[in-house]
C-alpha atoms as a PDB file:
ATOM      1  CA  UNK A   1       0.036  -0.060   0.041  1.00  0.00           C
ATOM      2  CA  UNK A   2       2.857   2.390   0.682  1.00  0.00           C
ATOM      3  CA  UNK A   3       4.274   1.945  -2.466  1.00  0.00           C
ATOM      4  CA  UNK A   4       1.066   3.856  -4.091  1.00  0.00           C
ATOM      5  CA  UNK A   5       0.683   6.343  -1.766  1.00  0.00           C
ATOM      6  CA  UNK A   6       3.438   9.032  -3.179  1.00  0.00           C
ATOM      7  CA  UNK A   7       1.806   8.235  -6.601  1.00  0.00           C
ATOM      8  CA  UNK A   8      -1.874   9.132  -4.907  1.00  0.00           C
ATOM      9  CA  UNK A   9      -0.420  12.375  -3.328  1.00  0.00           C
ATOM     10  CA  UNK A  10       0.874  13.410  -6.351  1.00  0.00           C
ATOM     11  CA  UNK A  11      -2.367  13.159  -8.562  1.00  0.00           C
ATOM     12  CA  UNK A  12      -3.919  14.919  -5.573  1.00  0.00           C
ATOM     13  CA  UNK A  13      -1.509  17.782  -5.001  1.00  0.00           C
ATOM     14  CA  UNK A  14      -1.578  18.398  -8.734  1.00  0.00           C
ATOM     15  CA  UNK A  15      -5.242  18.423  -8.758  1.00  0.00           C
ATOM     16  CA  UNK A  16      -5.423  21.326  -6.028  1.00  0.00           C
ATOM     17  CA  UNK A  17      -2.726  23.312  -7.569  1.00  0.00           C
ATOM     18  CA  UNK A  18      -4.151  23.373 -11.296  1.00  0.00           C
ATOM     19  CA  UNK A  19      -7.531  23.696  -9.502  1.00  0.00           C
ATOM     20  CA  UNK A  20      -6.571  26.651  -7.430  1.00  0.00           C
ATOM     21  CA  UNK A  21      -4.412  28.307 -10.582  1.00  0.00           C
ATOM     22  CA  UNK A  22      -7.200  27.926 -12.834  1.00  0.00           C
ATOM     23  CA  UNK A  23      -9.447  29.971 -10.748  1.00  0.00           C
ATOM     24  CA  UNK A  24      -7.113  32.643  -9.364  1.00  0.00           C
ATOM     25  CA  UNK A  25      -4.480  33.372 -12.145  1.00  0.00           C
ATOM     26  CA  UNK A  26      -5.662  35.041 -15.091  1.00  0.00           C
ATOM     27  CA  UNK A  27      -4.598  34.118 -18.795  1.00  0.00           C
ATOM     28  CA  UNK A  28      -1.613  36.082 -19.463  1.00  0.00           C
ATOM     29  CA  UNK A  29      -2.762  37.128 -22.854  1.00  0.00           C
ATOM     30  CA  UNK A  30      -5.662  38.647 -21.206  1.00  0.00           C
ATOM     31  CA  UNK A  31      -3.483  41.516 -20.339  1.00  0.00           C
ATOM     32  CA  UNK A  32      -2.922  42.371 -23.903  1.00  0.00           C
ATOM     33  CA  UNK A  33      -6.016  43.510 -24.364  1.00  0.00           C
ATOM     34  CA  UNK A  34      -5.016  46.362 -22.124  1.00  0.00           C
ATOM     35  CA  UNK A  35      -1.371  46.812 -23.117  1.00  0.00           C
ATOM     36  CA  UNK A  36       0.692  48.998 -20.750  1.00  0.00           C
ATOM     37  CA  UNK A  37       4.367  49.890 -21.945  1.00  0.00           C
ATOM     38  CA  UNK A  38       5.950  53.093 -22.130  1.00  0.00           C
ATOM     39  CA  UNK A  39       5.921  54.831 -25.741  1.00  0.00           C
ATOM     40  CA  UNK A  40       2.726  52.827 -26.720  1.00  0.00           C
ATOM     41  CA  UNK A  41       0.371  55.540 -28.399  1.00  0.00           C
ATOM     42  CA  UNK A  42      -2.836  55.634 -29.861  1.00  0.00           C
ATOM     43  CA  UNK A  43      -4.637  58.354 -32.059  1.00  0.00           C
ATOM     44  CA  UNK A  44      -8.440  58.848 -32.062  1.00  0.00           C
ATOM     45  CA  UNK A  45     -10.992  60.943 -33.626  1.00  0.00           C
ATOM     46  CA  UNK A  46     -13.412  62.229 -31.214  1.00  0.00           C
ATOM     47  CA  UNK A  47     -17.187  63.452 -31.741  1.00  0.00           C
ATOM     48  CA  UNK A  48     -19.044  65.118 -29.102  1.00  0.00           C
ATOM     49  CA  UNK A  49     -22.485  66.557 -28.966  1.00  0.00           C
ATOM     50  CA  UNK A  50     -24.280  68.375 -25.958  1.00  0.00           C
ATOM     51  CA  UNK A  51     -27.687  68.766 -25.510  1.00  0.00           C
ATOM     52  CA  UNK A  52     -29.186  71.486 -23.179  1.00  0.00           C
ATOM     53  CA  UNK A  53     -32.601  72.865 -22.486  1.00  0.00           C
ATOM     54  CA  UNK A  54     -32.140  76.217 -24.497  1.00  0.00           C
ATOM     55  CA  UNK A  55     -28.993  75.167 -26.839  1.00  0.00           C
ATOM     56  CA  UNK A  56     -26.922  72.117 -27.844  1.00  0.00           C
ATOM     57  CA  UNK A  57     -23.103  72.055 -28.944  1.00  0.00           C
ATOM     58  CA  UNK A  58     -21.212  69.947 -31.327  1.00  0.00           C
ATOM     59  CA  UNK A  59     -17.252  69.345 -31.339  1.00  0.00           C
ATOM     60  CA  UNK A  60     -15.049  67.489 -33.198  1.00  0.00           C
ATOM     61  CA  UNK A  61     -11.207  66.883 -32.452  1.00  0.00           C
ATOM     62  CA  UNK A  62      -8.315  64.568 -32.516  1.00  0.00           C
ATOM     63  CA  UNK A  63      -6.785  62.901 -29.330  1.00  0.00           C
ATOM     64  CA  UNK A  64      -3.310  61.359 -28.642  1.00  0.00           C
ATOM     65  CA  UNK A  65      -2.689  59.262 -25.835  1.00  0.00           C
ATOM     66  CA  UNK A  66       0.981  58.016 -25.196  1.00  0.00           C
ATOM     67  CA  UNK A  67       2.103  56.217 -21.983  1.00  0.00           C
ATOM     68  CA  UNK A  68       4.637  57.851 -20.297  1.00  0.00           C
ATOM     69  CA  UNK A  69       7.233  57.198 -17.277  1.00  0.00           C
ATOM     70  CA  UNK A  70       6.088  55.295 -14.270  1.00  0.00           C
ATOM     71  CA  UNK A  71       5.472  56.954 -10.882  1.00  0.00           C
ATOM     72  CA  UNK A  72       4.692  55.807  -7.294  1.00  0.00           C
ATOM     73  CA  UNK A  73       1.464  56.546  -5.623  1.00  0.00           C
ATOM     74  CA  UNK A  74       1.360  54.798  -2.114  1.00  0.00           C
ATOM     75  CA  UNK A  75       2.174  51.205  -2.729  1.00  0.00           C
ATOM     76  CA  UNK A  76       1.272  51.717  -6.277  1.00  0.00           C
ATOM     77  CA  UNK A  77       3.369  51.964  -9.361  1.00  0.00           C
ATOM     78  CA  UNK A  78       1.370  53.643 -12.117  1.00  0.00           C
ATOM     79  CA  UNK A  79       2.021  54.901 -15.719  1.00  0.00           C
ATOM     80  CA  UNK A  80       1.503  58.435 -16.822  1.00  0.00           C
ATOM     81  CA  UNK A  81      -0.878  58.738 -19.626  1.00  0.00           C
ATOM     82  CA  UNK A  82      -0.373  61.876 -21.543  1.00  0.00           C
ATOM     83  CA  UNK A  83      -3.250  63.118 -23.557  1.00  0.00           C
ATOM     84  CA  UNK A  84      -3.050  65.786 -26.444  1.00  0.00           C
ATOM     85  CA  UNK A  85      -5.877  67.227 -28.586  1.00  0.00           C
ATOM     86  CA  UNK A  86      -6.046  69.120 -31.503  1.00  0.00           C
ATOM     87  CA  UNK A  87      -8.714  70.390 -33.967  1.00  0.00           C
ATOM     88  CA  UNK A  88      -7.119  69.430 -37.394  1.00  0.00           C
ATOM     89  CA  UNK A  89      -5.085  66.623 -38.877  1.00  0.00           C
ATOM     90  CA  UNK A  90      -2.615  69.235 -40.102  1.00  0.00           C
ATOM     91  CA  UNK A  91      -1.904  70.627 -37.140  1.00  0.00           C
ATOM     92  CA  UNK A  92       0.890  69.477 -35.316  1.00  0.00           C
ATOM     93  CA  UNK A  93       0.310  67.822 -31.588  1.00  0.00           C
ATOM     94  CA  UNK A  94       1.041  70.345 -28.715  1.00  0.00           C
ATOM     95  CA  UNK A  95       4.016  70.605 -27.062  1.00  0.00           C
ATOM     96  CA  UNK A  96       2.751  70.101 -23.918  1.00  0.00           C
ATOM     97  CA  UNK A  97      -0.498  67.482 -22.746  1.00  0.00           C
ATOM     98  CA  UNK A  98      -3.886  69.133 -22.074  1.00  0.00           C
ATOM     99  CA  UNK A  99      -4.126  66.402 -19.559  1.00  0.00           C
ATOM    100  CA  UNK A 100      -2.280  63.466 -17.703  1.00  0.00           C
ATOM    101  CA  UNK A 101      -4.159  60.547 -16.601  1.00  0.00           C
ATOM    102  CA  UNK A 102      -2.862  57.217 -15.289  1.00  0.00           C
ATOM    103  CA  UNK A 103      -3.087  53.531 -15.182  1.00  0.00           C
ATOM    104  CA  UNK A 104      -1.677  50.373 -13.704  1.00  0.00           C
ATOM    105  CA  UNK A 105      -2.439  46.519 -13.797  1.00  0.00           C
ATOM    106  CA  UNK A 106      -2.412  44.229 -10.497  1.00  0.00           C
ATOM    107  CA  UNK A 107      -2.930  40.496 -10.630  1.00  0.00           C
ATOM    108  CA  UNK A 108      -6.595  40.770 -11.266  1.00  0.00           C
ATOM    109  CA  UNK A 109      -7.549  43.910 -13.009  1.00  0.00           C
ATOM    110  CA  UNK A 110      -6.634  47.044 -14.757  1.00  0.00           C
ATOM    111  CA  UNK A 111      -7.474  50.478 -13.051  1.00  0.00           C
ATOM    112  CA  UNK A 112      -7.242  53.747 -14.782  1.00  0.00           C
ATOM    113  CA  UNK A 113      -7.617  57.301 -13.230  1.00  0.00           C
ATOM    114  CA  UNK A 114      -9.421  59.661 -15.348  1.00  0.00           C
ATOM    115  CA  UNK A 115      -9.872  63.273 -14.043  1.00  0.00           C
ATOM    116  CA  UNK A 116      -8.739  62.117 -10.735  1.00  0.00           C
ATOM    117  CA  UNK A 117     -11.628  59.325 -10.720  1.00  0.00           C
ATOM    118  CA  UNK A 118     -10.675  55.666 -10.355  1.00  0.00           C
ATOM    119  CA  UNK A 119     -12.205  53.162 -12.535  1.00  0.00           C
ATOM    120  CA  UNK A 120     -11.881  49.344 -12.882  1.00  0.00           C
ATOM    121  CA  UNK A 121     -11.693  48.924 -16.452  1.00  0.00           C
ATOM    122  CA  UNK A 122     -11.029  45.068 -16.389  1.00  0.00           C
ATOM    123  CA  UNK A 123     -10.849  42.223 -14.260  1.00  0.00           C
ATOM    124  CA  UNK A 124      -9.099  39.150 -15.186  1.00  0.00           C
ATOM    125  CA  UNK A 125      -9.588  36.248 -16.112  1.00  0.00           C
ATOM    126  CA  UNK A 126     -11.531  37.810 -19.126  1.00  0.00           C
ATOM    127  CA  UNK A 127     -15.079  35.577 -19.591  1.00  0.00           C
ATOM    128  CA  UNK A 128     -18.308  36.320 -21.389  1.00  0.00           C
ATOM    129  CA  UNK A 129     -20.682  37.636 -19.148  1.00  0.00           C
ATOM    130  CA  UNK A 130     -18.626  38.458 -16.702  1.00  0.00           C
ATOM    131  CA  UNK A 131     -19.353  41.436 -14.320  1.00  0.00           C
ATOM    132  CA  UNK A 132     -18.064  43.831 -11.954  1.00  0.00           C
ATOM    133  CA  UNK A 133     -18.630  46.790 -10.183  1.00  0.00           C
ATOM    134  CA  UNK A 134     -16.433  49.607 -12.149  1.00  0.00           C
ATOM    135  CA  UNK A 135     -17.174  52.301  -9.565  1.00  0.00           C
ATOM    136  CA  UNK A 136     -15.872  49.900  -6.646  1.00  0.00           C
ATOM    137  CA  UNK A 137     -12.807  52.297  -6.032  1.00  0.00           C
ATOM    138  CA  UNK A 138     -14.743  55.541  -6.236  1.00  0.00           C
ATOM    139  CA  UNK A 139     -17.903  57.292  -4.784  1.00  0.00           C
ATOM    140  CA  UNK A 140     -20.202  57.399  -7.824  1.00  0.00           C
ATOM    141  CA  UNK A 141     -22.200  54.807  -7.210  1.00  0.00           C
ATOM    142  CA  UNK A 142     -22.254  51.108  -8.331  1.00  0.00           C
ATOM    143  CA  UNK A 143     -22.133  50.456 -12.214  1.00  0.00           C
ATOM    144  CA  UNK A 144     -21.505  47.073 -13.468  1.00  0.00           C
ATOM    145  CA  UNK A 145     -19.510  46.004 -16.496  1.00  0.00           C
ATOM    146  CA  UNK A 146     -20.014  43.170 -18.398  1.00  0.00           C
ATOM    147  CA  UNK A 147     -17.737  41.387 -20.839  1.00  0.00           C
ATOM    148  CA  UNK A 148     -19.410  40.471 -24.134  1.00  0.00           C
ATOM    149  CA  UNK A 149     -17.905  39.471 -27.432  1.00  0.00           C
ATOM    150  CA  UNK A 150     -14.635  38.163 -26.312  1.00  0.00           C
ATOM    151  CA  UNK A 151     -12.003  37.353 -29.094  1.00  0.00           C
ATOM    152  CA  UNK A 152     -14.660  38.672 -31.957  1.00  0.00           C
ATOM    153  CA  UNK A 153     -13.409  40.441 -34.654  1.00  0.00           C
ATOM    154  CA  UNK A 154     -14.275  44.223 -34.865  1.00  0.00           C
ATOM    155  CA  UNK A 155     -14.064  46.858 -37.601  1.00  0.00           C
ATOM    156  CA  UNK A 156     -13.256  50.540 -36.693  1.00  0.00           C
ATOM    157  CA  UNK A 157     -14.141  52.440 -39.949  1.00  0.00           C
ATOM    158  CA  UNK A 158     -11.824  50.481 -42.390  1.00  0.00           C
ATOM    159  CA  UNK A 159      -9.429  49.088 -39.537  1.00  0.00           C
ATOM    160  CA  UNK A 160      -9.640  45.531 -38.875  1.00  0.00           C
ATOM    161  CA  UNK A 161      -9.025  43.966 -35.533  1.00  0.00           C
ATOM    162  CA  UNK A 162      -9.101  40.256 -35.629  1.00  0.00           C
ATOM    163  CA  UNK A 163      -9.473  39.858 -31.719  1.00  0.00           C
ATOM    164  CA  UNK A 164     -11.439  41.904 -29.745  1.00  0.00           C
ATOM    165  CA  UNK A 165     -13.366  42.162 -26.643  1.00  0.00           C
ATOM    166  CA  UNK A 166     -16.401  44.702 -25.649  1.00  0.00           C
ATOM    167  CA  UNK A 167     -17.149  45.938 -22.106  1.00  0.00           C
ATOM    168  CA  UNK A 168     -20.514  47.039 -21.611  1.00  0.00           C
ATOM    169  CA  UNK A 169     -20.501  49.596 -19.067  1.00  0.00           C
ATOM    170  CA  UNK A 170     -24.214  50.944 -18.769  1.00  0.00           C
ATOM    171  CA  UNK A 171     -27.003  49.810 -20.912  1.00  0.00           C
ATOM    172  CA  UNK A 172     -30.386  51.106 -19.597  1.00  0.00           C
ATOM    173  CA  UNK A 173     -33.240  52.823 -21.215  1.00  0.00           C
ATOM    174  CA  UNK A 174     -36.671  53.995 -20.036  1.00  0.00           C
ATOM    175  CA  UNK A 175     -39.500  56.948 -20.944  1.00  0.00           C
ATOM    176  CA  UNK A 176     -37.327  59.208 -18.498  1.00  0.00           C
ATOM    177  CA  UNK A 177     -33.818  58.570 -19.534  1.00  0.00           C
ATOM    178  CA  UNK A 178     -31.089  56.562 -21.400  1.00  0.00           C
ATOM    179  CA  UNK A 179     -27.631  55.337 -20.054  1.00  0.00           C
ATOM    180  CA  UNK A 180     -25.476  53.736 -22.703  1.00  0.00           C
ATOM    181  CA  UNK A 181     -21.743  53.268 -22.258  1.00  0.00           C
ATOM    182  CA  UNK A 182     -19.342  50.968 -24.063  1.00  0.00           C
ATOM    183  CA  UNK A 183     -15.925  50.336 -24.868  1.00  0.00           C
ATOM    184  CA  UNK A 184     -14.208  48.046 -27.173  1.00  0.00           C
ATOM    185  CA  UNK A 185     -10.377  47.135 -26.779  1.00  0.00           C
ATOM    186  CA  UNK A 186      -8.009  44.817 -29.256  1.00  0.00           C
ATOM    187  CA  UNK A 187      -5.358  42.622 -28.350  1.00  0.00           C
ATOM    188  CA  UNK A 188      -1.989  44.382 -28.105  1.00  0.00           C
ATOM    189  CA  UNK A 189      -3.719  47.696 -29.073  1.00  0.00           C
ATOM    190  CA  UNK A 190      -5.921  48.529 -26.098  1.00  0.00           C
ATOM    191  CA  UNK A 191      -8.887  50.865 -26.646  1.00  0.00           C
ATOM    192  CA  UNK A 192     -10.189  51.104 -30.056  1.00  0.00           C
ATOM    193  CA  UNK A 193     -13.940  52.430 -29.826  1.00  0.00           C
ATOM    194  CA  UNK A 194     -15.702  54.274 -27.044  1.00  0.00           C
ATOM    195  CA  UNK A 195     -19.411  55.428 -27.309  1.00  0.00           C
ATOM    196  CA  UNK A 196     -21.330  57.060 -24.471  1.00  0.00           C
ATOM    197  CA  UNK A 197     -24.992  58.199 -24.899  1.00  0.00           C
ATOM    198  CA  UNK A 198     -26.581  59.578 -21.616  1.00  0.00           C
ATOM    199  CA  UNK A 199     -29.992  61.407 -22.350  1.00  0.00           C
ATOM    200  CA  UNK A 200     -32.660  62.862 -20.148  1.00  0.00           C
ATOM    201  CA  UNK A 201     -36.032  62.922 -22.324  1.00  0.00           C
ATOM    202  CA  UNK A 202     -38.422  65.714 -22.623  1.00  0.00           C
ATOM    203  CA  UNK A 203     -41.516  64.919 -20.230  1.00  0.00           C
ATOM    204  CA  UNK A 204     -43.800  67.661 -21.411  1.00  0.00           C
ATOM    205  CA  UNK A 205     -47.247  66.507 -22.383  1.00  0.00           C
ATOM    206  CA  UNK A 206     -46.441  66.621 -26.162  1.00  0.00           C
ATOM    207  CA  UNK A 207     -43.181  64.856 -26.107  1.00  0.00           C
ATOM    208  CA  UNK A 208     -43.406  62.180 -23.405  1.00  0.00           C
ATOM    209  CA  UNK A 209     -42.978  58.693 -24.715  1.00  0.00           C
ATOM    210  CA  UNK A 210     -41.594  59.999 -28.127  1.00  0.00           C
ATOM    211  CA  UNK A 211     -37.656  59.971 -26.371  1.00  0.00           C
ATOM    212  CA  UNK A 212     -37.175  63.606 -27.323  1.00  0.00           C
ATOM    213  CA  UNK A 213     -33.821  64.388 -25.778  1.00  0.00           C
ATOM    214  CA  UNK A 214     -34.051  67.111 -23.218  1.00  0.00           C
ATOM    215  CA  UNK A 215     -30.597  67.365 -22.029  1.00  0.00           C
ATOM    216  CA  UNK A 216     -27.296  64.834 -22.414  1.00  0.00           C
ATOM    217  CA  UNK A 217     -24.430  64.083 -24.073  1.00  0.00           C
ATOM    218  CA  UNK A 218     -23.586  61.937 -27.049  1.00  0.00           C
ATOM    219  CA  UNK A 219     -19.454  60.853 -27.063  1.00  0.00           C
ATOM    220  CA  UNK A 220     -17.706  58.417 -29.894  1.00  0.00           C
ATOM    221  CA  UNK A 221     -13.934  58.184 -29.869  1.00  0.00           C
ATOM    222  CA  UNK A 222     -12.825  55.815 -32.560  1.00  0.00           C
ATOM    223  CA  UNK A 223      -9.044  54.659 -33.452  1.00  0.00           C
ATOM    224  CA  UNK A 224      -7.409  55.784 -36.685  1.00  0.00           C
ATOM    225  CA  UNK A 225      -3.753  54.818 -35.819  1.00  0.00           C
ATOM    226  CA  UNK A 226      -1.400  53.423 -33.266  1.00  0.00           C
ATOM    227  CA  UNK A 227       1.969  52.392 -32.603  1.00  0.00           C
ATOM    228  CA  UNK A 228       5.152  52.969 -30.487  1.00  0.00           C
ATOM    229  CA  UNK A 229       7.780  55.973 -30.108  1.00  0.00           C
END
């Protein structure tokens, strides 16, 4: 009996180790949907419309995000995300960024600081229909993100991405309001498409039930180039 004990122990130990690692350790390739490496940049076009009670505005511009140096904030080592904007493709990019965000990844998630607000952009491993509270590290209230279309192909205009993932951040609509936020990420690139539609509908007797926008915002951000400096 003793001669079988080491073999049984080996199989039990292997099962426990494999089981634990599959539940706790994300697939390394999952991180490739949100690569963080100094010098990586992505160029976007941004189309933004705001709706007001008395007037509306429409703006279109180009955005460059480039990952800069690391810095330490408490126990966290973060990467600077330098953001530059311009109105025309023929203009040079400004010498200094318009704003600086930051991002970092840990064993199980990617956190991004946008205008000093922390958002959990992804949690690993990535699986279709997986959900988490993207606002768990801020005070904006719960907002559950959901993974969809993992490893699907996706086009942004004429640019083809063979391996992408869709993160639905909000998708709610009723007679009073609409809140839709979604982001697409591609392997080895990062964010490739972002759309946000947040509306409050007109509740006057002649407009109720017709989804007439009273106030709100439409925001569409699309990749048109990427690389590394």
